[in-house]
Structure formats: C-alpha cells, structure tokens
N, C-alpha and C. Protein backbone atom coordinates (compact mmCIF):
# COMPACT_ATOMS: atom_id res chain seq x y z
N MET A 1 0.95 -1.40 -0.32
CA MET A 1 0.13 -0.03 0.17
C MET A 1 0.63 0.95 0.01
N ASN A 2 0.37 2.27 -0.65
CA ASN A 2 1.13 3.28 -1.12
C ASN A 2 0.64 4.50 0.22
N PHE A 3 1.55 4.85 1.64
CA PHE A 3 0.78 5.94 1.99
C PHE A 3 1.08 7.26 1.40
N ILE A 4 0.29 8.31 1.51
CA ILE A 4 0.49 9.14 1.47
C ILE A 4 -0.28 10.62 2.47
N ILE A 5 0.94 10.96 3.03
CA ILE A 5 0.95 11.32 4.61
C ILE A 5 0.92 12.98 4.55
N SER A 6 0.17 13.80 4.60
CA SER A 6 0.20 15.03 4.76
C SER A 6 -0.01 15.80 6.19
N GLY A 7 0.16 16.90 6.17
CA GLY A 7 -0.21 17.32 8.11
C GLY A 7 -0.48 18.99 7.74
N LYS A 8 -1.38 19.09 8.44
CA LYS A 8 -2.26 20.62 8.57
C LYS A 8 -2.36 21.28 9.82
N ASN A 9 -1.47 22.42 10.44
CA ASN A 9 -0.82 22.92 11.57
C ASN A 9 -0.48 21.70 12.47
N ILE A 10 0.83 20.97 11.75
CA ILE A 10 1.06 19.99 12.58
C ILE A 10 2.37 19.21 11.54
N ALA A 11 3.42 19.38 11.82
CA ALA A 11 4.73 18.56 11.36
C ALA A 11 4.82 16.99 11.41
N VAL A 12 4.51 16.34 10.53
CA VAL A 12 4.30 14.66 9.94
C VAL A 12 5.72 13.68 10.73
N THR A 13 5.90 14.09 12.02
CA THR A 13 6.83 13.62 12.82
C THR A 13 7.51 11.96 12.31
N ASP A 14 8.75 11.69 11.94
CA ASP A 14 9.14 10.24 11.47
C ASP A 14 8.16 9.06 12.52
N GLY A 15 7.70 9.66 14.36
CA GLY A 15 7.23 8.90 15.08
C GLY A 15 5.91 8.50 14.78
N LEU A 16 4.87 9.75 14.12
CA LEU A 16 3.69 9.62 13.49
C LEU A 16 3.44 8.85 12.32
N ARG A 17 4.38 9.05 11.54
CA ARG A 17 4.32 8.54 9.90
C ARG A 17 4.22 6.53 10.51
N THR A 18 5.37 6.29 11.13
CA THR A 18 5.72 4.93 11.74
C THR A 18 4.34 4.47 12.11
N ALA A 19 3.52 5.38 13.50
CA ALA A 19 2.81 4.82 14.05
C ALA A 19 0.93 4.45 13.14
N VAL A 20 1.54 5.67 12.09
CA VAL A 20 0.02 5.81 10.76
C VAL A 20 0.86 4.36 9.87
N GLU A 21 1.74 4.32 9.21
CA GLU A 21 1.83 3.08 8.43
C GLU A 21 1.93 1.43 9.37
N ASP A 22 2.24 1.66 10.46
CA ASP A 22 1.93 0.65 11.64
C ASP A 22 0.42 -0.14 11.38
N LYS A 23 0.05 1.26 12.24
CA LYS A 23 -1.35 0.68 12.22
C LYS A 23 -2.42 0.87 11.00
N LEU A 24 -2.30 1.28 10.07
CA LEU A 24 -2.87 1.30 8.82
C LEU A 24 -2.52 0.01 7.88
N GLY A 25 -1.28 -0.33 8.15
CA GLY A 25 -0.91 -1.38 7.58
C GLY A 25 -1.66 -2.80 7.57
N LYS A 26 -2.11 -2.90 8.92
CA LYS A 26 -2.90 -3.82 9.23
C LYS A 26 -4.28 -4.35 7.89
N LEU A 27 -4.11 -3.34 7.48
CA LEU A 27 -5.41 -2.94 6.17
C LEU A 27 -4.73 -3.67 5.08
N GLU A 28 -3.40 -4.42 5.02
CA GLU A 28 -2.67 -4.69 3.88
C GLU A 28 -3.47 -6.32 3.24
N ARG A 29 -4.26 -6.62 4.26
CA ARG A 29 -4.80 -8.03 4.24
C ARG A 29 -6.02 -7.79 2.92
N TYR A 30 -6.37 -6.27 3.29
CA TYR A 30 -8.03 -6.25 2.53
C TYR A 30 -7.31 -5.44 1.03
N PHE A 31 -6.51 -5.20 0.88
CA PHE A 31 -6.23 -3.99 -0.33
C PHE A 31 -5.01 -4.88 -1.12
N THR A 32 -4.96 -4.52 -2.44
CA THR A 32 -4.05 -4.80 -3.03
C THR A 32 -2.83 -3.98 -2.75
N PRO A 33 -1.41 -4.42 -3.38
CA PRO A 33 -0.20 -3.63 -2.79
C PRO A 33 0.26 -1.90 -3.58
N ASP A 34 -0.65 -1.63 -4.72
CA ASP A 34 -0.67 -0.64 -5.44
C ASP A 34 -1.54 0.67 -4.81
N THR A 35 -2.64 -0.03 -4.10
CA THR A 35 -3.37 0.97 -3.66
C THR A 35 -2.98 2.05 -2.43
N ASP A 36 -3.45 3.79 -3.01
CA ASP A 36 -3.23 4.58 -2.34
C ASP A 36 -3.96 4.97 -1.19
N ILE A 37 -3.27 5.17 -0.09
CA ILE A 37 -3.69 5.67 1.08
C ILE A 37 -3.84 6.87 1.60
N HIS A 38 -4.85 7.91 1.56
CA HIS A 38 -4.37 9.35 1.88
C HIS A 38 -4.89 9.87 2.89
N VAL A 39 -3.46 10.06 3.80
CA VAL A 39 -4.01 10.37 5.42
C VAL A 39 -3.50 11.80 5.70
N THR A 40 -4.53 12.67 6.43
CA THR A 40 -4.11 13.74 6.57
C THR A 40 -4.37 13.91 8.40
N LEU A 41 -3.15 14.47 8.99
CA LEU A 41 -3.13 14.73 9.83
C LEU A 41 -3.47 16.23 10.23
N SER A 42 -4.02 16.42 10.93
CA SER A 42 -4.33 18.19 11.69
C SER A 42 -4.64 18.14 12.88
N VAL A 43 -4.44 19.36 13.14
CA VAL A 43 -4.46 19.75 14.48
C VAL A 43 -5.70 21.02 14.86
N GLU A 44 -6.35 21.27 15.55
CA GLU A 44 -7.22 22.69 15.80
C GLU A 44 -7.19 22.92 17.06
N LYS A 45 -6.58 23.55 18.20
CA LYS A 45 -6.43 23.86 19.19
C LYS A 45 -6.38 22.66 19.99
N GLU A 46 -7.38 21.92 20.66
CA GLU A 46 -7.45 20.74 21.64
C GLU A 46 -7.46 19.41 20.54
N ARG A 47 -8.24 19.28 19.14
CA ARG A 47 -8.34 18.60 18.40
C ARG A 47 -7.79 18.28 17.66
N GLN A 48 -7.04 16.49 18.07
CA GLN A 48 -6.00 15.92 17.36
C GLN A 48 -6.98 14.68 16.13
N LYS A 49 -6.92 15.50 14.89
CA LYS A 49 -7.85 15.15 13.89
C LYS A 49 -6.85 14.29 12.85
N ILE A 50 -7.59 13.24 12.11
CA ILE A 50 -6.62 12.33 11.31
C ILE A 50 -7.99 11.79 10.23
N GLU A 51 -7.65 12.02 9.42
CA GLU A 51 -8.64 11.72 7.79
C GLU A 51 -8.12 10.65 7.30
N VAL A 52 -8.64 9.59 6.71
CA VAL A 52 -8.01 8.28 5.67
C VAL A 52 -9.03 8.49 4.74
N THR A 53 -8.83 8.60 3.70
CA THR A 53 -9.13 8.21 2.00
C THR A 53 -8.48 7.29 1.37
N ILE A 54 -9.16 6.36 0.91
CA ILE A 54 -8.92 4.83 0.30
C ILE A 54 -9.56 5.17 -1.46
N PRO A 55 -9.37 5.89 -1.95
CA PRO A 55 -10.20 5.81 -3.58
C PRO A 55 -9.59 4.10 -4.18
N VAL A 56 -10.91 3.25 -4.07
CA VAL A 56 -11.31 2.37 -4.94
C VAL A 56 -12.07 2.15 -6.31
N LYS A 57 -11.78 1.49 -7.08
CA LYS A 57 -12.54 1.98 -8.20
C LYS A 57 -14.20 1.79 -7.88
N GLY A 58 -14.63 3.68 -8.30
CA GLY A 58 -16.20 3.60 -8.23
C GLY A 58 -16.27 3.80 -7.06
N ASN A 59 -15.43 3.44 -5.54
CA ASN A 59 -16.33 3.92 -4.60
C ASN A 59 -15.11 4.91 -3.60
N ILE A 60 -15.67 4.94 -2.59
CA ILE A 60 -14.26 6.08 -1.44
C ILE A 60 -14.28 5.21 -0.65
N ILE A 61 -13.64 4.73 0.70
CA ILE A 61 -13.68 4.48 1.59
C ILE A 61 -12.93 5.39 2.63
N ARG A 62 -13.68 5.79 3.42
CA ARG A 62 -13.15 6.96 4.24
C ARG A 62 -13.44 7.07 5.58
N SER A 63 -12.95 7.57 6.60
CA SER A 63 -13.12 8.18 7.83
C SER A 63 -12.33 8.53 8.72
N GLU A 64 -13.01 9.60 9.24
CA GLU A 64 -12.38 10.91 10.07
C GLU A 64 -12.64 10.53 11.81
N GLN A 65 -11.57 10.49 12.45
CA GLN A 65 -11.34 10.83 13.96
C GLN A 65 -10.88 11.22 14.76
N VAL A 66 -11.53 12.12 15.48
CA VAL A 66 -10.77 12.99 16.49
C VAL A 66 -10.70 12.74 17.74
N SER A 67 -9.53 12.93 18.80
CA SER A 67 -9.16 12.84 19.94
C SER A 67 -8.86 14.32 20.73
N ASN A 68 -8.26 13.73 21.85
CA ASN A 68 -7.29 14.81 22.73
C ASN A 68 -5.87 14.16 21.84
N ASP A 69 -5.65 13.12 21.64
CA ASP A 69 -4.13 12.60 21.06
C ASP A 69 -4.27 11.76 19.85
N MET A 70 -3.32 12.32 18.84
CA MET A 70 -3.34 11.84 17.57
C MET A 70 -3.00 10.23 17.83
N TYR A 71 -2.57 9.70 18.56
CA TYR A 71 -1.83 8.22 18.47
C TYR A 71 -3.30 7.65 19.13
N VAL A 72 -4.31 8.03 19.16
CA VAL A 72 -5.63 7.68 20.02
C VAL A 72 -6.51 7.24 18.39
N SER A 73 -6.64 8.51 17.99
CA SER A 73 -7.20 9.33 16.75
C SER A 73 -6.34 7.88 15.86
N ILE A 74 -5.71 7.65 15.42
CA ILE A 74 -4.81 6.48 14.23
C ILE A 74 -5.47 5.28 14.83
N ASP A 75 -5.54 5.16 16.12
CA ASP A 75 -6.01 3.91 16.59
C ASP A 75 -7.40 3.77 15.94
N LEU A 76 -8.29 4.69 16.55
CA LEU A 76 -9.40 4.54 16.18
C LEU A 76 -10.02 4.51 14.79
N VAL A 77 -9.07 5.09 13.52
CA VAL A 77 -9.66 5.32 12.38
C VAL A 77 -9.58 3.84 11.76
N GLU A 78 -8.46 3.30 12.06
CA GLU A 78 -7.98 2.08 11.76
C GLU A 78 -9.28 0.50 12.20
N GLU A 79 -9.85 1.12 13.22
CA GLU A 79 -11.06 0.20 13.61
C GLU A 79 -12.26 0.65 12.69
N VAL A 80 -12.26 1.73 12.70
CA VAL A 80 -13.80 2.10 11.57
C VAL A 80 -13.31 1.59 10.26
N ILE A 81 -12.20 2.08 9.79
CA ILE A 81 -12.57 1.44 8.57
C ILE A 81 -12.26 -0.05 8.30
N GLU A 82 -11.55 -0.72 9.13
CA GLU A 82 -11.69 -2.21 9.28
C GLU A 82 -13.47 -2.63 9.45
N ARG A 83 -14.13 -2.23 10.04
CA ARG A 83 -15.40 -2.42 10.81
C ARG A 83 -16.70 -2.37 9.51
N GLN A 84 -15.78 -1.05 8.56
CA GLN A 84 -16.86 -0.65 7.22
C GLN A 84 -17.12 -1.76 6.28
N LEU A 85 -15.19 -2.39 6.11
CA LEU A 85 -14.88 -2.79 5.28
C LEU A 85 -16.03 -3.94 5.23
N ARG A 86 -15.80 -4.71 6.48
CA ARG A 86 -16.63 -5.81 6.56
C ARG A 86 -18.08 -6.17 6.34
N ARG A 87 -18.55 -4.74 7.16
CA ARG A 87 -20.03 -4.54 7.08
C ARG A 87 -19.99 -3.87 5.74
N TYR A 88 -19.92 -3.46 4.79
CA TYR A 88 -20.31 -3.30 3.74
C TYR A 88 -19.29 -4.15 2.32
N LYS A 89 -18.78 -4.78 2.93
CA LYS A 89 -17.95 -5.59 1.61
C LYS A 89 -18.92 -6.05 0.49
N LYS A 90 -20.01 -6.42 0.58
CA LYS A 90 -21.07 -6.49 -0.75
C LYS A 90 -21.24 -5.50 -1.13
N LYS A 91 -21.47 -4.23 -0.42
CA LYS A 91 -21.79 -3.14 -1.59
C LYS A 91 -20.89 -2.46 -2.25
N ILE A 92 -19.48 -2.57 -1.78
CA ILE A 92 -18.10 -2.05 -2.27
C ILE A 92 -17.33 -3.02 -3.32
N ILE A 93 -17.87 -4.23 -2.82
CA ILE A 93 -16.93 -4.75 -4.07
C ILE A 93 -18.39 -4.93 -5.17
N ASP A 94 -18.18 -4.49 -6.37
CA ASP A 94 -18.48 -5.13 -7.40
C ASP A 94 -18.09 -5.54 -8.08
N LYS A 95 -18.04 -7.37 -7.84
CA LYS A 95 -17.20 -8.21 -9.05
C LYS A 95 -17.22 -7.69 -10.21
N GLU A 96 -17.35 -7.11 -10.77
CA GLU A 96 -17.22 -6.80 -12.34
C GLU A 96 -16.33 -5.37 -12.18
N GLN A 97 -16.65 -4.57 -11.11
CA GLN A 97 -15.79 -3.50 -11.26
C GLN A 97 -14.66 -2.74 -10.16
N ALA A 98 -15.04 -3.19 -9.12
CA ALA A 98 -14.24 -2.54 -7.89
C ALA A 98 -13.14 -3.80 -7.58
N ALA A 99 -13.66 -4.81 -7.59
CA ALA A 99 -12.63 -6.29 -6.88
C ALA A 99 -11.10 -6.22 -7.36
N GLY A 100 -10.65 -4.97 -8.36
CA GLY A 100 -9.32 -5.28 -8.53
C GLY A 100 -8.53 -4.32 -7.70
N SER A 101 -8.98 -4.11 -6.74
CA SER A 101 -8.29 -2.69 -5.65
C SER A 101 -8.02 -3.85 -4.11
N PHE A 102 -8.98 -5.08 -4.26
CA PHE A 102 -8.88 -5.86 -3.05
C PHE A 102 -8.34 -6.74 -3.41
N GLN A 103 -7.61 -7.24 -2.16
CA GLN A 103 -7.28 -8.77 -2.14
C GLN A 103 -8.00 -10.02 -2.47
N GLN A 104 -7.95 -10.94 -3.31
CA GLN A 104 -8.80 -11.55 -3.65
C GLN A 104 -9.06 -13.14 -2.20
N ALA A 105 -8.34 -13.04 -1.73
CA ALA A 105 -8.62 -13.80 -0.09
C ALA A 105 -9.98 -12.70 0.63
N PHE A 106 -9.80 -11.70 0.77
CA PHE A 106 -11.18 -10.63 1.44
C PHE A 106 -12.30 -10.80 0.34
N ILE A 107 -12.04 -11.01 -0.86
CA ILE A 107 -13.09 -11.12 -1.42
C ILE A 107 -13.61 -12.10 -1.28
N GLU A 108 -13.49 -13.41 -1.21
CA GLU A 108 -13.94 -14.45 -1.19
C GLU A 108 -13.78 -14.98 0.06
N LYS A 109 -13.52 -14.38 1.12
CA LYS A 109 -13.65 -14.42 2.82
C LYS A 109 -15.03 -14.09 2.91
N GLU A 110 -15.93 -15.14 3.61
CA GLU A 110 -17.50 -14.48 4.20
C GLU A 110 -17.09 -14.12 5.47
N TYR A 111 -17.40 -13.22 5.20
CA TYR A 111 -17.71 -12.25 7.09
C TYR A 111 -18.90 -12.35 7.72
N GLU A 112 -18.68 -12.53 8.96
CA GLU A 112 -20.05 -12.47 9.84
C GLU A 112 -20.55 -10.69 9.69
N GLU A 113 -21.64 -10.57 9.15
CA GLU A 113 -22.17 -9.18 9.44
C GLU A 113 -22.57 -8.88 10.78
N ASP A 114 -21.97 -7.70 10.86
CA ASP A 114 -22.30 -6.77 11.93
C ASP A 114 -23.67 -6.56 12.45
N GLU A 115 -23.87 -6.74 13.38
CA GLU A 115 -25.94 -6.66 13.36
C GLU A 115 -26.13 -5.41 12.67
N GLU A 116 -27.52 -5.41 11.95
CA GLU A 116 -27.52 -4.61 11.08
C GLU A 116 -28.35 -3.26 12.02
N VAL A 117 -28.92 -2.48 11.53
CA VAL A 117 -29.10 -1.26 12.01
C VAL A 117 -30.29 -1.34 12.86
N LYS A 118 -30.17 -1.22 14.48
CA LYS A 118 -31.63 -1.92 14.92
C LYS A 118 -31.80 -0.66 15.96
N ILE A 119 -33.02 0.51 15.56
CA ILE A 119 -34.32 1.08 16.50
C ILE A 119 -34.31 0.34 17.75
N ILE A 120 -33.49 0.80 19.09
CA ILE A 120 -33.47 0.05 19.79
C ILE A 120 -34.46 1.26 20.96
N ARG A 121 -34.58 2.38 20.58
CA ARG A 121 -36.33 3.15 21.57
C ARG A 121 -36.87 4.46 20.13
N THR A 122 -38.01 4.58 20.64
CA THR A 122 -38.99 5.61 20.13
C THR A 122 -38.93 6.13 21.02
N LYS A 123 -38.78 7.55 20.57
CA LYS A 123 -39.08 8.75 21.48
C LYS A 123 -40.63 9.79 21.05
N LYS A 124 -41.40 9.66 21.36
CA LYS A 124 -42.26 10.44 21.11
C LYS A 124 -42.53 12.19 22.17
N PHE A 125 -42.80 13.02 21.09
CA PHE A 125 -43.01 14.37 22.29
C PHE A 125 -43.65 15.42 21.09
N GLY A 126 -44.29 16.24 21.93
CA GLY A 126 -45.13 17.34 21.13
C GLY A 126 -44.20 18.30 20.68
N ILE A 127 -44.54 18.52 19.45
CA ILE A 127 -43.65 19.56 18.89
C ILE A 127 -44.69 20.82 18.44
N LYS A 128 -43.89 21.75 19.27
CA LYS A 128 -44.76 23.14 19.40
C LYS A 128 -44.02 24.40 18.51
N PRO A 129 -44.85 25.03 17.59
CA PRO A 129 -44.07 26.43 16.79
C PRO A 129 -43.20 27.25 17.63
N MET A 130 -42.00 26.95 16.47
CA MET A 130 -40.78 28.11 17.47
C MET A 130 -39.75 28.53 16.28
N TYR A 131 -39.25 29.76 16.67
CA TYR A 131 -38.49 30.06 15.77
C TYR A 131 -37.15 29.77 16.04
N PRO A 132 -36.76 29.52 14.22
CA PRO A 132 -35.30 28.60 14.61
C PRO A 132 -34.14 28.94 15.28
N GLU A 133 -34.02 30.28 16.08
CA GLU A 133 -33.08 30.72 16.70
C GLU A 133 -33.72 29.96 18.35
N ASP A 134 -35.24 30.13 18.69
CA ASP A 134 -35.57 29.82 19.89
C ASP A 134 -35.46 27.76 19.88
N ALA A 135 -35.11 27.19 19.42
CA ALA A 135 -34.96 25.78 19.09
C ALA A 135 -33.22 25.69 18.98
N CYS A 136 -32.63 26.61 18.48
CA CYS A 136 -31.23 26.40 18.97
C CYS A 136 -31.03 26.70 20.45
N VAL A 137 -31.69 27.54 20.92
CA VAL A 137 -31.63 27.89 22.48
C VAL A 137 -31.79 26.39 23.44
N GLN A 138 -32.98 25.92 22.82
CA GLN A 138 -33.80 24.83 23.48
C GLN A 138 -32.53 23.93 23.53
N MET A 139 -32.25 23.70 22.67
CA MET A 139 -31.64 22.78 21.90
C MET A 139 -30.05 22.54 22.91
N GLU A 140 -29.78 23.94 23.06
CA GLU A 140 -28.31 24.24 24.20
C GLU A 140 -28.80 23.99 25.32
N LEU A 141 -30.19 24.29 25.70
CA LEU A 141 -30.37 23.95 27.39
C LEU A 141 -30.70 22.74 27.00
N LEU A 142 -30.85 21.77 26.21
CA LEU A 142 -31.18 20.43 26.27
C LEU A 142 -29.68 19.27 26.73
N GLY A 143 -28.50 19.91 25.91
CA GLY A 143 -27.54 19.34 25.56
C GLY A 143 -27.52 18.37 24.76
N HIS A 144 -28.39 19.08 23.60
CA HIS A 144 -28.19 17.97 22.18
C HIS A 144 -27.60 18.27 21.43
N ASN A 145 -27.57 17.50 20.09
CA ASN A 145 -26.93 18.30 19.03
C ASN A 145 -27.47 18.99 17.86
N PHE A 146 -28.91 18.21 18.13
CA PHE A 146 -29.81 18.76 16.96
C PHE A 146 -31.30 18.57 17.86
N PHE A 147 -32.52 19.28 17.42
CA PHE A 147 -33.17 19.69 17.84
C PHE A 147 -34.52 20.21 16.85
N VAL A 148 -35.56 18.88 16.75
CA VAL A 148 -36.33 18.79 15.82
C VAL A 148 -37.45 19.83 16.60
N PHE A 149 -38.19 20.42 15.73
CA PHE A 149 -39.30 21.71 15.83
C PHE A 149 -40.32 21.86 14.54
N ARG A 150 -41.42 22.93 14.81
CA ARG A 150 -41.84 23.42 13.84
C ARG A 150 -42.16 24.08 13.91
N ASN A 151 -41.77 24.91 12.49
CA ASN A 151 -41.18 25.99 12.11
C ASN A 151 -42.19 27.39 12.28
N ALA A 152 -42.53 28.57 13.14
CA ALA A 152 -43.33 29.25 13.48
C ALA A 152 -43.81 29.96 12.38
N GLU A 153 -42.86 29.84 11.64
CA GLU A 153 -42.54 31.07 9.98
C GLU A 153 -43.84 29.96 8.88
N THR A 154 -43.02 29.36 9.04
CA THR A 154 -43.59 28.24 7.74
C THR A 154 -44.31 26.88 8.18
N GLU A 155 -44.45 26.65 9.34
CA GLU A 155 -45.33 25.31 9.63
C GLU A 155 -45.26 24.56 9.47
N GLU A 156 -43.63 24.04 8.94
CA GLU A 156 -42.80 22.54 8.55
C GLU A 156 -42.19 22.17 9.50
N VAL A 157 -42.10 20.76 9.67
CA VAL A 157 -41.17 20.44 10.38
C VAL A 157 -39.88 20.70 10.37
N ASN A 158 -39.00 21.12 11.03
CA ASN A 158 -37.30 21.32 10.74
C ASN A 158 -36.30 21.11 11.79
N VAL A 159 -34.83 20.83 11.17
CA VAL A 159 -34.22 20.24 12.48
C VAL A 159 -33.33 21.60 12.94
N VAL A 160 -32.77 21.83 13.56
CA VAL A 160 -31.87 22.44 13.62
C VAL A 160 -30.18 21.57 14.47
N TYR A 161 -29.59 21.48 13.99
CA TYR A 161 -28.22 21.35 14.13
C TYR A 161 -26.70 21.98 14.79
N LYS A 162 -26.42 21.44 15.60
CA LYS A 162 -24.93 21.99 16.15
C LYS A 162 -23.71 21.57 15.44
N ARG A 163 -23.13 23.02 14.54
CA ARG A 163 -22.07 22.29 13.59
C ARG A 163 -20.71 23.07 14.31
N LYS A 164 -19.72 22.58 13.72
CA LYS A 164 -18.42 23.00 14.40
C LYS A 164 -18.20 24.27 14.30
N GLY A 165 -17.21 24.70 15.66
CA GLY A 165 -17.11 26.43 15.94
C GLY A 165 -18.01 26.80 16.52
N ASN A 166 -19.03 26.30 16.92
CA ASN A 166 -20.12 26.93 17.34
C ASN A 166 -21.19 27.78 16.89
N THR A 167 -21.30 26.85 15.55
CA THR A 167 -22.24 27.42 15.15
C THR A 167 -23.38 26.71 14.51
N TYR A 168 -24.59 26.75 13.98
CA TYR A 168 -25.91 26.33 13.60
C TYR A 168 -25.81 26.34 12.50
N GLY A 169 -26.73 24.85 11.75
CA GLY A 169 -27.39 24.79 10.58
C GLY A 169 -28.72 24.90 10.89
N LEU A 170 -29.82 24.68 9.69
CA LEU A 170 -31.16 24.20 9.73
C LEU A 170 -31.45 23.53 8.32
N ILE A 171 -32.18 22.45 9.23
CA ILE A 171 -32.61 21.77 7.73
C ILE A 171 -34.37 21.96 7.39
N GLU A 172 -34.52 21.87 6.15
CA GLU A 172 -35.68 22.73 5.68
C GLU A 172 -36.52 21.51 4.85
N PRO A 173 -37.38 20.95 5.10
CA PRO A 173 -37.55 19.92 3.78
C PRO A 173 -38.03 21.01 2.44
N GLU A 174 -37.42 19.93 1.40
CA GLU A 174 -38.32 20.39 0.08
C GLU A 174 -39.64 20.28 -0.33
N CYS A 175 -40.19 20.71 -1.17
CA CYS A 175 -41.81 20.63 -1.44
C CYS A 175 -41.49 20.31 -3.01
C-alpha cells in the first residue's frame, strides 16, 4: 500500500509516520499492494484529527476521527475502516468493477455481518411552533446536537443542528 501522509498545522514526524504506517498497515490484508491511502493529520486547538481516504474503483472508503491525542485518533480510524470494510463488503465490491483494488482472499472470505441497524428506542414528543433561534436555545438547554421543531414562520417541521465552531445549521424540507 502506498501511504500519502500530509499534515495541517502539524509536522508529520517520523514517529507519527511510523504509527500511521504500522496501524493502517494492518489493512494490507484487504487491499492490493498498489492501493493508495491518503492520510491527513491536523490539529485545531485541542483536537487531534486524522482523515483517511482510500479511493477504490467506483467508491471511496473514508473515515475521520478526532480525539485529544493523535495516536488515539490513529487507533480509532483503523478500527472504523476495518469495520466498514467487513460490514459493507457486498456493497463496495462489485465483482465486475471494484474487485481489482482488493485482495482475492478478502473478496472470497465470508465475514459475519455486524448487527444490522436496530432501532432500540422510540421517542414521541409534542412539536410546538418556534423560531429557529429559539430552537437553538432549546437544543443547548437540553445538551443535544440537534433539535426537531415546527417552524413558526413556515409551519413545517425543521431541524437545527450544532456545527463545528459553535455555529448552527437549519434543515428545511423541500416541497
């Protein structure tokens, strides 16, 4: 595998390069030797982030992990990509198209699928009309990352959500 490692606001030291290559090198059993792995390490305030992108024919396998320690982020990203590969093997490998990027052993091996998506809790609540700004305040008071509400201006169900940098987003339905 070919590692393309870059850094934003961080110098890619030999130690970091070795940690990335050792940890993500475990993915060699899935990919052919000529597969490129794009790794971007970045630091923003206290956040140590790693982004890994693996382009395979017709698809992109990607994961991004953030923690307060870059080595922890590296460990997390490898686990997530490996889980994605096993879970979505049938979807990402169309034997006619994308199989060339993967090891034959990975294509042929049957993996036990992780549990399917299960809804384990249903919550019902009254939606009262409010303005998006009021919904943001309510979301903050509840300590949630998103909040569903009925927009007082449009009478439609909307969602406000928390974005990076203490900003908010609004999702409105398209008619």
